Amino acid sequence: MASSKRSYSRKRELFLDCTLILHPSNVRWLTGFDAGIVLMGKDEDYLIVPELEYERALEVVDWLNVVKGPRGALWKKALELCNGPFFADLSYLNFRTAITLMTELGAGDASKTVRRARMSKDEEELSRIKKALEIAERAFLETWKELEEGTTELAAAGALEAHMREFGAQEFAFPTIVAFGPNSSKPHAVPGEAQLSFGSVALFDFGAVYGGFRSDITRTYVPDKEPYASWYHAVLEAVNAALKALKPGARGKDVDAAAREVLAEYGFEKAFVHGLGHGVGADIHEPPFLSPSSEDVVSKGAVVTVEPGVYFKGQGGVRVEQLVYVDYNPIVLNSTPVMWW
């Protein structure tokens, strides 16, 4: 995959020799591959994998030196390939692994470099996110055509996931949320036996994975009656306010506040119970975070969700989520309109 090689080469310039990248999402971000670890050597770079992944790795990452390492301790192979000093993505790792690397290799932390680099998407990363979003949106529109009164949440979620696979998703970006009627008051509702009624709200939160990168979208069907119409109107205004505040250099908490202020004007401040959004890329939740406590500074080239919502126990809820490329004029990547029905 020539494009992956180009993307890797650009990222490689940011790191010192003898840097180990171990966290799975960081390896996927660097290589597009979903196993092993990366060693950036002094003369050559390596993808170190257990034997059971060796054949697959040779096919997928043919532009790195693929070598076998001891399963469960792949980092030990680095001692044969680089003489240090070593660095690693320590803060991404569990405590035991990080301490082992610090004591056995004397590894310094390269996590800040990883974090900064991952926040701004390059051309290839953006292309893969867009494709993942295209797959998800196409699947949703196809699913919506098939839904009837009485369809269960489980059946709708199954159809949506099947269509995502049909249209090219490697996997699902996260567990699909489908919530009908009062269940939509739960931001992380789990699909069950509740049935679709076109006289109430129907919330869908879903995403696909393509080339190791993810998409995230929420759409809520809202009948033209109260109180649902007022909820929806307020949420859409909050989306627009957040987009106006979303610029390179903005703090995450300030973008969140722009949406929250709108909802407060409608008296819905207590109904917005989660942060406004988050970065999306190799992980479904990654910096920058847009929330009341976030000091993250949004960088040009970040891809973030803008997803205000309001939730009323026993009645239902509305959330609209746009996936946005951050520039001085932010670009909404979605092609499916917020009112598609």
C-alpha atoms as a PDB file:
ATOM      1  CA  MET A   1       0.000   0.000   0.000  1.00  0.00           C
ATOM      2  CA  ALA A   2       2.047   2.905  -1.330  1.00  0.00           C
ATOM      3  CA  SER A   3      -0.167   5.513   0.313  1.00  0.00           C
ATOM      4  CA  SER A   4       0.439   3.940   3.743  1.00  0.00           C
ATOM      5  CA  LYS A   5       4.176   4.050   3.129  1.00  0.00           C
ATOM      6  CA  ARG A   6       4.007   7.758   2.319  1.00  0.00           C
ATOM      7  CA  SER A   7       1.918   8.472   5.398  1.00  0.00           C
ATOM      8  CA  TYR A   8       4.284   6.454   7.579  1.00  0.00           C
ATOM      9  CA  SER A   9       7.332   8.253   6.197  1.00  0.00           C
ATOM     10  CA  ARG A  10       5.884  11.650   7.090  1.00  0.00           C
ATOM     11  CA  LYS A  11       5.108  10.518  10.634  1.00  0.00           C
ATOM     12  CA  ARG A  12       8.491   8.820  11.041  1.00  0.00           C
ATOM     13  CA  GLU A  13      10.256  12.176  10.739  1.00  0.00           C
ATOM     14  CA  LEU A  14       8.763  13.246  14.085  1.00  0.00           C
ATOM     15  CA  PHE A  15      10.404  10.484  16.134  1.00  0.00           C
ATOM     16  CA  LEU A  16      13.868   9.721  17.429  1.00  0.00           C
ATOM     17  CA  ASP A  17      15.682   6.524  16.520  1.00  0.00           C
ATOM     18  CA  CYS A  18      15.015   3.504  18.747  1.00  0.00           C
ATOM     19  CA  THR A  19      11.422   4.570  19.404  1.00  0.00           C
ATOM     20  CA  LEU A  20       8.994   1.747  20.137  1.00  0.00           C
ATOM     21  CA  ILE A  21       5.290   2.144  19.415  1.00  0.00           C
ATOM     22  CA  LEU A  22       3.301  -0.492  21.287  1.00  0.00           C
ATOM     23  CA  HIS A  23      -0.281   0.606  21.861  1.00  0.00           C
ATOM     24  CA  PRO A  24      -2.542  -1.067  19.255  1.00  0.00           C
ATOM     25  CA  SER A  25      -4.252   2.147  18.142  1.00  0.00           C
ATOM     26  CA  ASN A  26      -0.880   3.868  17.706  1.00  0.00           C
ATOM     27  CA  VAL A  27       0.433   0.948  15.657  1.00  0.00           C
ATOM     28  CA  ARG A  28      -2.726   1.107  13.538  1.00  0.00           C
ATOM     29  CA  TRP A  29      -2.303   4.873  13.166  1.00  0.00           C
ATOM     30  CA  LEU A  30       1.274   4.417  11.951  1.00  0.00           C
ATOM     31  CA  THR A  31       0.887   1.383   9.719  1.00  0.00           C
ATOM     32  CA  GLY A  32      -2.772   0.559   9.145  1.00  0.00           C
ATOM     33  CA  PHE A  33      -2.044  -2.870  10.635  1.00  0.00           C
ATOM     34  CA  ASP A  34      -3.871  -4.174  13.702  1.00  0.00           C
ATOM     35  CA  ALA A  35      -1.222  -6.266  15.460  1.00  0.00           C
ATOM     36  CA  GLY A  36       2.395  -6.170  16.612  1.00  0.00           C
ATOM     37  CA  ILE A  37       4.600  -3.249  17.571  1.00  0.00           C
ATOM     38  CA  VAL A  38       6.749  -0.821  15.602  1.00  0.00           C
ATOM     39  CA  LEU A  39      10.455  -0.196  16.185  1.00  0.00           C
ATOM     40  CA  MET A  40      11.959   2.852  14.518  1.00  0.00           C
ATOM     41  CA  GLY A  41      15.579   1.814  14.217  1.00  0.00           C
ATOM     42  CA  LYS A  42      18.706   3.757  13.413  1.00  0.00           C
ATOM     43  CA  ASP A  43      19.011   2.447   9.873  1.00  0.00           C
ATOM     44  CA  GLU A  44      15.801   0.495   9.326  1.00  0.00           C
ATOM     45  CA  ASP A  45      12.323   0.337  10.812  1.00  0.00           C
ATOM     46  CA  TYR A  46      10.543  -2.849  11.859  1.00  0.00           C
ATOM     47  CA  LEU A  47       7.114  -4.273  12.489  1.00  0.00           C
ATOM     48  CA  ILE A  48       7.596  -6.907  15.185  1.00  0.00           C
ATOM     49  CA  VAL A  49       4.807  -9.490  15.309  1.00  0.00           C
ATOM     50  CA  PRO A  50       4.137 -12.867  16.923  1.00  0.00           C
ATOM     51  CA  GLU A  51       4.487 -15.827  14.590  1.00  0.00           C
ATOM     52  CA  LEU A  52       0.739 -16.255  14.122  1.00  0.00           C
ATOM     53  CA  GLU A  53       0.529 -12.757  12.554  1.00  0.00           C
ATOM     54  CA  TYR A  54       3.693 -13.033  10.460  1.00  0.00           C
ATOM     55  CA  GLU A  55       2.205 -14.116   7.124  1.00  0.00           C
ATOM     56  CA  ARG A  56      -0.604 -11.557   7.277  1.00  0.00           C
ATOM     57  CA  ALA A  57       1.784  -8.774   8.241  1.00  0.00           C
ATOM     58  CA  LEU A  58       4.077  -9.536   5.286  1.00  0.00           C
ATOM     59  CA  GLU A  59       1.126  -9.054   2.933  1.00  0.00           C
ATOM     60  CA  VAL A  60      -0.289  -5.896   4.497  1.00  0.00           C
ATOM     61  CA  VAL A  61       2.864  -4.006   5.521  1.00  0.00           C
ATOM     62  CA  ASP A  62       5.305  -4.913   2.754  1.00  0.00           C
ATOM     63  CA  TRP A  63       7.182  -1.625   3.142  1.00  0.00           C
ATOM     64  CA  LEU A  64       8.496  -2.303   6.659  1.00  0.00           C
ATOM     65  CA  ASN A  65      10.871  -5.031   7.797  1.00  0.00           C
ATOM     66  CA  VAL A  66       8.527  -7.588   9.323  1.00  0.00           C
ATOM     67  CA  VAL A  67      10.205  -9.765  11.957  1.00  0.00           C
ATOM     68  CA  LYS A  68       8.992 -12.247  14.535  1.00  0.00           C
ATOM     69  CA  GLY A  69       9.217 -11.576  18.258  1.00  0.00           C
ATOM     70  CA  PRO A  70       8.341 -13.480  21.420  1.00  0.00           C
ATOM     71  CA  ARG A  71       4.583 -13.523  21.924  1.00  0.00           C
ATOM     72  CA  GLY A  72       3.646 -11.513  25.002  1.00  0.00           C
ATOM     73  CA  ALA A  73       6.960  -9.630  25.039  1.00  0.00           C
ATOM     74  CA  LEU A  74       7.519  -8.385  21.509  1.00  0.00           C
ATOM     75  CA  TRP A  75       9.574  -5.473  22.822  1.00  0.00           C
ATOM     76  CA  LYS A  76      12.429  -7.857  23.712  1.00  0.00           C
ATOM     77  CA  LYS A  77      13.215  -8.230  20.018  1.00  0.00           C
ATOM     78  CA  ALA A  78      14.130  -4.536  19.985  1.00  0.00           C
ATOM     79  CA  LEU A  79      17.262  -5.311  21.999  1.00  0.00           C
ATOM     80  CA  GLU A  80      18.624  -7.217  18.995  1.00  0.00           C
ATOM     81  CA  LEU A  81      17.736  -4.504  16.503  1.00  0.00           C
ATOM     82  CA  CYS A  82      18.635  -1.214  18.192  1.00  0.00           C
ATOM     83  CA  ASN A  83      21.167  -0.311  20.875  1.00  0.00           C
ATOM     84  CA  GLY A  84      19.246   2.609  22.381  1.00  0.00           C
ATOM     85  CA  PRO A  85      18.590   4.937  24.012  1.00  0.00           C
ATOM     86  CA  PHE A  86      14.976   3.794  23.738  1.00  0.00           C
ATOM     87  CA  PHE A  87      11.698   5.703  23.740  1.00  0.00           C
ATOM     88  CA  ALA A  88       8.119   4.424  23.790  1.00  0.00           C
ATOM     89  CA  ASP A  89       4.487   5.548  23.905  1.00  0.00           C
ATOM     90  CA  LEU A  90       4.502   4.925  27.655  1.00  0.00           C
ATOM     91  CA  SER A  91       1.463   6.900  28.765  1.00  0.00           C
ATOM     92  CA  TYR A  92      -0.748   4.938  26.369  1.00  0.00           C
ATOM     93  CA  LEU A  93       0.260   1.618  27.979  1.00  0.00           C
ATOM     94  CA  ASN A  94      -0.901  -0.168  31.087  1.00  0.00           C
ATOM     95  CA  PHE A  95       1.149   0.496  34.211  1.00  0.00           C
ATOM     96  CA  ARG A  96       2.930  -2.843  34.255  1.00  0.00           C
ATOM     97  CA  THR A  97       4.067  -2.630  30.630  1.00  0.00           C
ATOM     98  CA  ALA A  98       5.217   0.960  30.983  1.00  0.00           C
ATOM     99  CA  ILE A  99       7.255   0.166  34.110  1.00  0.00           C
ATOM    100  CA  THR A 100       8.796  -2.871  32.403  1.00  0.00           C
ATOM    101  CA  LEU A 101       9.942  -0.770  29.458  1.00  0.00           C
ATOM    102  CA  MET A 102      11.328   1.895  31.765  1.00  0.00           C
ATOM    103  CA  THR A 103      13.282  -0.589  33.899  1.00  0.00           C
ATOM    104  CA  GLU A 104      14.374  -3.072  31.229  1.00  0.00           C
ATOM    105  CA  LEU A 105      15.075  -0.628  28.392  1.00  0.00           C
ATOM    106  CA  GLY A 106      15.411   2.670  30.235  1.00  0.00           C
ATOM    107  CA  ALA A 107      12.736   3.942  27.852  1.00  0.00           C
ATOM    108  CA  GLY A 108      11.787   7.593  27.780  1.00  0.00           C
ATOM    109  CA  ASP A 109       8.274   8.733  26.928  1.00  0.00           C
ATOM    110  CA  ALA A 110       7.339   9.592  23.329  1.00  0.00           C
ATOM    111  CA  SER A 111       3.638   9.960  24.107  1.00  0.00           C
ATOM    112  CA  LYS A 112       3.433  13.740  23.666  1.00  0.00           C
ATOM    113  CA  THR A 113       4.836  13.443  20.164  1.00  0.00           C
ATOM    114  CA  VAL A 114       2.308  10.724  19.338  1.00  0.00           C
ATOM    115  CA  ARG A 115      -0.566  12.742  20.769  1.00  0.00           C
ATOM    116  CA  ARG A 116       0.312  15.909  18.845  1.00  0.00           C
ATOM    117  CA  ALA A 117       0.831  14.026  15.602  1.00  0.00           C
ATOM    118  CA  ARG A 118      -2.392  12.045  15.873  1.00  0.00           C
ATOM    119  CA  MET A 119      -4.510  15.132  16.457  1.00  0.00           C
ATOM    120  CA  SER A 120      -3.961  16.585  12.953  1.00  0.00           C
ATOM    121  CA  LYS A 121      -4.995  14.192  10.204  1.00  0.00           C
ATOM    122  CA  ASP A 122      -2.952  13.951   7.027  1.00  0.00           C
ATOM    123  CA  GLU A 123      -4.478  13.539   3.581  1.00  0.00           C
ATOM    124  CA  GLU A 124      -4.561   9.754   3.723  1.00  0.00           C
ATOM    125  CA  GLU A 125      -6.046   9.609   7.220  1.00  0.00           C
ATOM    126  CA  LEU A 126      -8.754  12.080   6.245  1.00  0.00           C
ATOM    127  CA  SER A 127      -9.514  10.034   3.143  1.00  0.00           C
ATOM    128  CA  ARG A 128     -10.012   6.891   5.216  1.00  0.00           C
ATOM    129  CA  ILE A 129     -12.222   8.665   7.747  1.00  0.00           C
ATOM    130  CA  LYS A 130     -14.338  10.037   4.898  1.00  0.00           C
ATOM    131  CA  LYS A 131     -14.675   6.557   3.413  1.00  0.00           C
ATOM    132  CA  ALA A 132     -15.656   5.127   6.804  1.00  0.00           C
ATOM    133  CA  LEU A 133     -18.295   7.859   7.081  1.00  0.00           C
ATOM    134  CA  GLU A 134     -19.555   7.266   3.550  1.00  0.00           C
ATOM    135  CA  ILE A 135     -20.009   3.551   4.331  1.00  0.00           C
ATOM    136  CA  ALA A 136     -21.898   4.310   7.537  1.00  0.00           C
ATOM    137  CA  GLU A 137     -24.188   6.901   5.975  1.00  0.00           C
ATOM    138  CA  ARG A 138     -24.982   4.754   2.962  1.00  0.00           C
ATOM    139  CA  ALA A 139     -25.816   1.849   5.259  1.00  0.00           C
ATOM    140  CA  PHE A 140     -28.070   4.054   7.379  1.00  0.00           C
ATOM    141  CA  LEU A 141     -30.067   5.374   4.448  1.00  0.00           C
ATOM    142  CA  GLU A 142     -30.508   1.849   3.110  1.00  0.00           C
ATOM    143  CA  THR A 143     -31.634   0.644   6.531  1.00  0.00           C
ATOM    144  CA  TRP A 144     -34.092   3.503   6.958  1.00  0.00           C
ATOM    145  CA  LYS A 145     -35.880   2.488   3.742  1.00  0.00           C
ATOM    146  CA  GLU A 146     -36.465  -0.962   5.232  1.00  0.00           C
ATOM    147  CA  LEU A 147     -37.797   0.096   8.638  1.00  0.00           C
ATOM    148  CA  GLU A 148     -41.486  -0.295   9.421  1.00  0.00           C
ATOM    149  CA  GLU A 149     -43.716   0.454  12.390  1.00  0.00           C
ATOM    150  CA  GLY A 150     -43.026  -2.251  14.947  1.00  0.00           C
ATOM    151  CA  THR A 151     -39.419  -2.961  13.920  1.00  0.00           C
ATOM    152  CA  THR A 152     -37.402  -3.649  17.066  1.00  0.00           C
ATOM    153  CA  GLU A 153     -34.242  -1.828  18.053  1.00  0.00           C
ATOM    154  CA  LEU A 154     -32.309  -5.091  17.756  1.00  0.00           C
ATOM    155  CA  ALA A 155     -33.573  -5.746  14.242  1.00  0.00           C
ATOM    156  CA  ALA A 156     -32.781  -2.171  13.147  1.00  0.00           C
ATOM    157  CA  ALA A 157     -29.271  -2.360  14.623  1.00  0.00           C
ATOM    158  CA  GLY A 158     -28.686  -5.722  12.935  1.00  0.00           C
ATOM    159  CA  ALA A 159     -29.783  -4.386   9.559  1.00  0.00           C
ATOM    160  CA  LEU A 160     -27.613  -1.299   9.929  1.00  0.00           C
ATOM    161  CA  GLU A 161     -24.550  -3.345  10.839  1.00  0.00           C
ATOM    162  CA  ALA A 162     -25.181  -5.823   8.017  1.00  0.00           C
ATOM    163  CA  HIS A 163     -25.337  -2.996   5.493  1.00  0.00           C
ATOM    164  CA  MET A 164     -22.136  -1.464   6.852  1.00  0.00           C
ATOM    165  CA  ARG A 165     -20.397  -4.798   6.260  1.00  0.00           C
ATOM    166  CA  GLU A 166     -21.999  -5.050   2.828  1.00  0.00           C
ATOM    167  CA  PHE A 167     -20.663  -1.646   1.839  1.00  0.00           C
ATOM    168  CA  GLY A 168     -17.092  -2.305   2.979  1.00  0.00           C
ATOM    169  CA  ALA A 169     -16.742  -1.813   6.733  1.00  0.00           C
ATOM    170  CA  GLN A 170     -13.878  -3.820   8.252  1.00  0.00           C
ATOM    171  CA  GLU A 171     -15.705  -3.678  11.560  1.00  0.00           C
ATOM    172  CA  PHE A 172     -17.967  -1.360  13.520  1.00  0.00           C
ATOM    173  CA  ALA A 173     -16.453   1.735  15.098  1.00  0.00           C
ATOM    174  CA  PHE A 174     -18.246   1.012  18.413  1.00  0.00           C
ATOM    175  CA  PRO A 175     -21.348  -0.910  19.546  1.00  0.00           C
ATOM    176  CA  THR A 176     -24.245   0.410  17.478  1.00  0.00           C
ATOM    177  CA  ILE A 177     -26.872   2.367  19.413  1.00  0.00           C
ATOM    178  CA  VAL A 178     -30.498   2.217  18.302  1.00  0.00           C
ATOM    179  CA  ALA A 179     -33.042   3.668  20.747  1.00  0.00           C
ATOM    180  CA  PHE A 180     -36.748   4.110  20.109  1.00  0.00           C
ATOM    181  CA  GLY A 181     -39.193   6.238  22.060  1.00  0.00           C
ATOM    182  CA  PRO A 182     -38.433   6.675  25.782  1.00  0.00           C
ATOM    183  CA  ASN A 183     -35.230   4.611  25.428  1.00  0.00           C
ATOM    184  CA  SER A 184     -33.674   7.520  23.532  1.00  0.00           C
ATOM    185  CA  SER A 185     -33.357   9.377  26.849  1.00  0.00           C
ATOM    186  CA  LYS A 186     -30.342   7.127  27.557  1.00  0.00           C
ATOM    187  CA  PRO A 187     -27.297   8.463  25.681  1.00  0.00           C
ATOM    188  CA  HIS A 188     -25.665   5.005  25.601  1.00  0.00           C
ATOM    189  CA  ALA A 189     -28.814   2.931  25.186  1.00  0.00           C
ATOM    190  CA  VAL A 190     -28.379  -0.743  24.300  1.00  0.00           C
ATOM    191  CA  PRO A 191     -30.697  -2.027  21.551  1.00  0.00           C
ATOM    192  CA  GLY A 192     -33.513  -4.215  22.825  1.00  0.00           C
ATOM    193  CA  GLU A 193     -37.084  -5.174  22.029  1.00  0.00           C
ATOM    194  CA  ALA A 194     -38.583  -1.671  21.951  1.00  0.00           C
ATOM    195  CA  GLN A 195     -40.505  -1.087  18.715  1.00  0.00           C
ATOM    196  CA  LEU A 196     -40.309   1.752  16.227  1.00  0.00           C
ATOM    197  CA  SER A 197     -43.209   4.194  16.155  1.00  0.00           C
ATOM    198  CA  PHE A 198     -43.192   7.084  13.714  1.00  0.00           C
ATOM    199  CA  GLY A 199     -45.140   9.048  16.304  1.00  0.00           C
ATOM    200  CA  SER A 200     -42.105   9.171  18.610  1.00  0.00           C
ATOM    201  CA  VAL A 201     -38.346   9.737  18.334  1.00  0.00           C
ATOM    202  CA  ALA A 202     -35.871   7.189  16.993  1.00  0.00           C
ATOM    203  CA  LEU A 203     -32.151   7.669  17.672  1.00  0.00           C
ATOM    204  CA  PHE A 204     -29.310   5.967  15.777  1.00  0.00           C
ATOM    205  CA  ASP A 205     -25.621   6.318  16.741  1.00  0.00           C
ATOM    206  CA  PHE A 206     -23.211   4.264  14.636  1.00  0.00           C
ATOM    207  CA  GLY A 207     -19.941   4.196  12.723  1.00  0.00           C
ATOM    208  CA  ALA A 208     -17.775   2.097  10.449  1.00  0.00           C
ATOM    209  CA  VAL A 209     -14.064   1.311  10.226  1.00  0.00           C
ATOM    210  CA  TYR A 210     -12.177   1.571   6.962  1.00  0.00           C
ATOM    211  CA  GLY A 211      -8.420   1.208   6.600  1.00  0.00           C
ATOM    212  CA  GLY A 212      -8.025   1.304  10.383  1.00  0.00           C
ATOM    213  CA  PHE A 213      -9.849   4.639  10.770  1.00  0.00           C
ATOM    214  CA  ARG A 214     -13.304   5.298  12.194  1.00  0.00           C
ATOM    215  CA  SER A 215     -16.414   7.337  11.646  1.00  0.00           C
ATOM    216  CA  ASP A 216     -19.076   8.441  14.119  1.00  0.00           C
ATOM    217  CA  ILE A 217     -22.550   9.789  13.338  1.00  0.00           C
ATOM    218  CA  THR A 218     -25.852  10.205  15.170  1.00  0.00           C
ATOM    219  CA  ARG A 219     -29.174  10.843  13.508  1.00  0.00           C
ATOM    220  CA  THR A 220     -32.513  11.224  15.296  1.00  0.00           C
ATOM    221  CA  TYR A 221     -35.880  10.922  13.624  1.00  0.00           C
ATOM    222  CA  VAL A 222     -38.258  13.475  15.167  1.00  0.00           C
ATOM    223  CA  PRO A 223     -42.015  13.658  14.446  1.00  0.00           C
ATOM    224  CA  ASP A 224     -43.432  17.099  13.803  1.00  0.00           C
ATOM    225  CA  LYS A 225     -45.073  17.584  17.184  1.00  0.00           C
ATOM    226  CA  GLU A 226     -44.250  18.792  20.654  1.00  0.00           C
ATOM    227  CA  PRO A 227     -42.191  18.395  22.717  1.00  0.00           C
ATOM    228  CA  TYR A 228     -39.970  16.662  20.173  1.00  0.00           C
ATOM    229  CA  ALA A 229     -39.867  19.520  17.669  1.00  0.00           C
ATOM    230  CA  SER A 230     -38.641  21.984  20.332  1.00  0.00           C
ATOM    231  CA  TRP A 231     -35.938  19.573  21.464  1.00  0.00           C
ATOM    232  CA  TYR A 232     -34.774  19.139  17.899  1.00  0.00           C
ATOM    233  CA  HIS A 233     -34.770  22.839  17.102  1.00  0.00           C
ATOM    234  CA  ALA A 234     -32.664  23.580  20.194  1.00  0.00           C
ATOM    235  CA  VAL A 235     -30.145  20.842  19.383  1.00  0.00           C
ATOM    236  CA  LEU A 236     -29.704  22.054  15.802  1.00  0.00           C
ATOM    237  CA  GLU A 237     -29.099  25.599  17.038  1.00  0.00           C
ATOM    238  CA  ALA A 238     -26.493  24.227  19.447  1.00  0.00           C
ATOM    239  CA  VAL A 239     -24.744  22.417  16.581  1.00  0.00           C
ATOM    240  CA  ASN A 240     -24.537  25.641  14.594  1.00  0.00           C
ATOM    241  CA  ALA A 241     -23.234  27.623  17.569  1.00  0.00           C
ATOM    242  CA  ALA A 242     -20.514  25.041  18.174  1.00  0.00           C
ATOM    243  CA  LEU A 243     -19.452  25.098  14.515  1.00  0.00           C
ATOM    244  CA  LYS A 244     -19.018  28.870  14.703  1.00  0.00           C
ATOM    245  CA  ALA A 245     -16.758  28.480  17.756  1.00  0.00           C
ATOM    246  CA  LEU A 246     -14.770  25.548  16.347  1.00  0.00           C
ATOM    247  CA  LYS A 247     -11.522  26.975  15.002  1.00  0.00           C
ATOM    248  CA  PRO A 248      -7.828  26.059  15.192  1.00  0.00           C
ATOM    249  CA  GLY A 249      -6.571  27.330  18.535  1.00  0.00           C
ATOM    250  CA  ALA A 250      -9.944  27.151  20.291  1.00  0.00           C
ATOM    251  CA  ARG A 251     -10.083  25.418  23.662  1.00  0.00           C
ATOM    252  CA  GLY A 252     -12.267  22.360  23.889  1.00  0.00           C
ATOM    253  CA  LYS A 253     -14.230  23.751  26.817  1.00  0.00           C
ATOM    254  CA  ASP A 254     -14.993  26.992  24.957  1.00  0.00           C
ATOM    255  CA  VAL A 255     -16.467  25.135  21.977  1.00  0.00           C
ATOM    256  CA  ASP A 256     -18.541  23.045  24.392  1.00  0.00           C
ATOM    257  CA  ALA A 257     -19.717  26.216  26.144  1.00  0.00           C
ATOM    258  CA  ALA A 258     -20.980  27.726  22.881  1.00  0.00           C
ATOM    259  CA  ALA A 259     -23.402  24.822  22.439  1.00  0.00           C
ATOM    260  CA  ARG A 260     -24.315  24.682  26.105  1.00  0.00           C
ATOM    261  CA  GLU A 261     -25.261  28.371  26.164  1.00  0.00           C
ATOM    262  CA  VAL A 262     -27.804  27.823  23.395  1.00  0.00           C
ATOM    263  CA  LEU A 263     -29.419  24.902  25.199  1.00  0.00           C
ATOM    264  CA  ALA A 264     -29.558  26.960  28.383  1.00  0.00           C
ATOM    265  CA  GLU A 265     -31.560  29.625  26.550  1.00  0.00           C
ATOM    266  CA  TYR A 266     -34.187  26.952  25.913  1.00  0.00           C
ATOM    267  CA  GLY A 267     -34.084  25.840  29.543  1.00  0.00           C
ATOM    268  CA  PHE A 268     -32.395  22.574  28.570  1.00  0.00           C
ATOM    269  CA  GLU A 269     -29.036  23.061  30.317  1.00  0.00           C
ATOM    270  CA  LYS A 270     -29.669  20.161  32.715  1.00  0.00           C
ATOM    271  CA  ALA A 271     -30.788  17.908  29.861  1.00  0.00           C
ATOM    272  CA  PHE A 272     -27.356  18.029  28.156  1.00  0.00           C
ATOM    273  CA  VAL A 273     -25.522  15.428  30.217  1.00  0.00           C
ATOM    274  CA  HIS A 274     -22.341  14.702  28.242  1.00  0.00           C
ATOM    275  CA  GLY A 275     -19.525  16.540  26.529  1.00  0.00           C
ATOM    276  CA  LEU A 276     -20.033  18.149  23.137  1.00  0.00           C
ATOM    277  CA  GLY A 277     -17.616  15.949  21.233  1.00  0.00           C
ATOM    278  CA  HIS A 278     -14.254  14.299  20.740  1.00  0.00           C
ATOM    279  CA  GLY A 279     -11.607  13.581  18.173  1.00  0.00           C
ATOM    280  CA  VAL A 280     -12.053  10.615  15.837  1.00  0.00           C
ATOM    281  CA  GLY A 281      -9.348   8.704  14.004  1.00  0.00           C
ATOM    282  CA  ALA A 282      -7.642   5.408  14.747  1.00  0.00           C
ATOM    283  CA  ASP A 283      -9.688   5.466  17.983  1.00  0.00           C
ATOM    284  CA  ILE A 284     -13.327   6.432  18.310  1.00  0.00           C
ATOM    285  CA  HIS A 285     -12.505   8.732  21.248  1.00  0.00           C
ATOM    286  CA  GLU A 286      -9.208  10.624  21.042  1.00  0.00           C
ATOM    287  CA  PRO A 287      -7.960  14.180  21.555  1.00  0.00           C
ATOM    288  CA  PRO A 288      -9.058  16.859  21.229  1.00  0.00           C
ATOM    289  CA  PHE A 289     -11.990  16.535  23.610  1.00  0.00           C
ATOM    290  CA  LEU A 290     -14.774  19.117  23.601  1.00  0.00           C
ATOM    291  CA  SER A 291     -16.201  19.139  27.108  1.00  0.00           C
ATOM    292  CA  PRO A 292     -16.737  21.534  30.029  1.00  0.00           C
ATOM    293  CA  SER A 293     -13.409  20.553  31.620  1.00  0.00           C
ATOM    294  CA  SER A 294     -11.262  20.139  28.494  1.00  0.00           C
ATOM    295  CA  GLU A 295      -8.175  22.314  28.197  1.00  0.00           C
ATOM    296  CA  ASP A 296      -7.309  20.677  24.858  1.00  0.00           C
ATOM    297  CA  VAL A 297      -6.432  23.181  22.171  1.00  0.00           C
ATOM    298  CA  VAL A 298      -7.959  22.204  18.858  1.00  0.00           C
ATOM    299  CA  SER A 299      -5.421  21.968  16.053  1.00  0.00           C
ATOM    300  CA  LYS A 300      -5.909  22.565  12.357  1.00  0.00           C
ATOM    301  CA  GLY A 301      -6.556  19.247  10.683  1.00  0.00           C
ATOM    302  CA  ALA A 302      -8.303  17.616  13.637  1.00  0.00           C
ATOM    303  CA  VAL A 303     -11.448  15.611  12.947  1.00  0.00           C
ATOM    304  CA  VAL A 304     -13.985  15.959  15.753  1.00  0.00           C
ATOM    305  CA  THR A 305     -17.600  15.197  16.513  1.00  0.00           C
ATOM    306  CA  VAL A 306     -20.063  17.931  17.357  1.00  0.00           C
ATOM    307  CA  GLU A 307     -22.917  16.099  19.090  1.00  0.00           C
ATOM    308  CA  PRO A 308     -25.116  18.075  21.476  1.00  0.00           C
ATOM    309  CA  GLY A 309     -28.137  16.258  22.854  1.00  0.00           C
ATOM    310  CA  VAL A 310     -31.018  16.660  25.267  1.00  0.00           C
ATOM    311  CA  TYR A 311     -32.499  13.797  27.277  1.00  0.00           C
ATOM    312  CA  PHE A 312     -35.694  13.572  29.314  1.00  0.00           C
ATOM    313  CA  LYS A 313     -36.271  10.480  31.426  1.00  0.00           C
ATOM    314  CA  GLY A 314     -39.390   8.570  30.453  1.00  0.00           C
ATOM    315  CA  GLN A 315     -39.985  10.743  27.380  1.00  0.00           C
ATOM    316  CA  GLY A 316     -37.022  10.419  25.072  1.00  0.00           C
ATOM    317  CA  GLY A 317     -34.086  12.366  23.757  1.00  0.00           C
ATOM    318  CA  VAL A 318     -32.559  13.949  20.679  1.00  0.00           C
ATOM    319  CA  ARG A 319     -28.934  13.977  19.592  1.00  0.00           C
ATOM    320  CA  VAL A 320     -27.466  15.189  16.310  1.00  0.00           C
ATOM    321  CA  GLU A 321     -23.838  14.396  15.565  1.00  0.00           C
ATOM    322  CA  GLN A 322     -21.774  15.895  12.783  1.00  0.00           C
ATOM    323  CA  LEU A 323     -18.242  14.837  11.921  1.00  0.00           C
ATOM    324  CA  VAL A 324     -16.155  17.941  11.285  1.00  0.00           C
ATOM    325  CA  TYR A 325     -12.725  18.661   9.807  1.00  0.00           C
ATOM    326  CA  VAL A 326     -11.223  21.587  11.693  1.00  0.00           C
ATOM    327  CA  ASP A 327     -10.005  24.492   9.602  1.00  0.00           C
ATOM    328  CA  TYR A 328     -10.483  28.230   9.828  1.00  0.00           C
ATOM    329  CA  ASN A 329     -13.788  27.493   8.098  1.00  0.00           C
ATOM    330  CA  PRO A 330     -14.735  24.106   9.585  1.00  0.00           C
ATOM    331  CA  ILE A 331     -15.901  21.508   7.064  1.00  0.00           C
ATOM    332  CA  VAL A 332     -18.785  19.201   7.933  1.00  0.00           C
ATOM    333  CA  LEU A 333     -17.889  15.842   6.380  1.00  0.00           C
ATOM    334  CA  ASN A 334     -21.380  14.339   6.502  1.00  0.00           C
ATOM    335  CA  SER A 335     -23.397  13.947   3.336  1.00  0.00           C
ATOM    336  CA  THR A 336     -26.587  12.756   5.052  1.00  0.00           C
ATOM    337  CA  PRO A 337     -28.687  15.771   6.081  1.00  0.00           C
ATOM    338  CA  VAL A 338     -29.851  16.040   9.667  1.00  0.00           C
ATOM    339  CA  MET A 339     -33.443  15.729   8.380  1.00  0.00           C
ATOM    340  CA  TRP A 340     -33.294  12.883   5.890  1.00  0.00           C
ATOM    341  CA  TRP A 341     -36.868  11.575   6.113  1.00  0.00           C
END
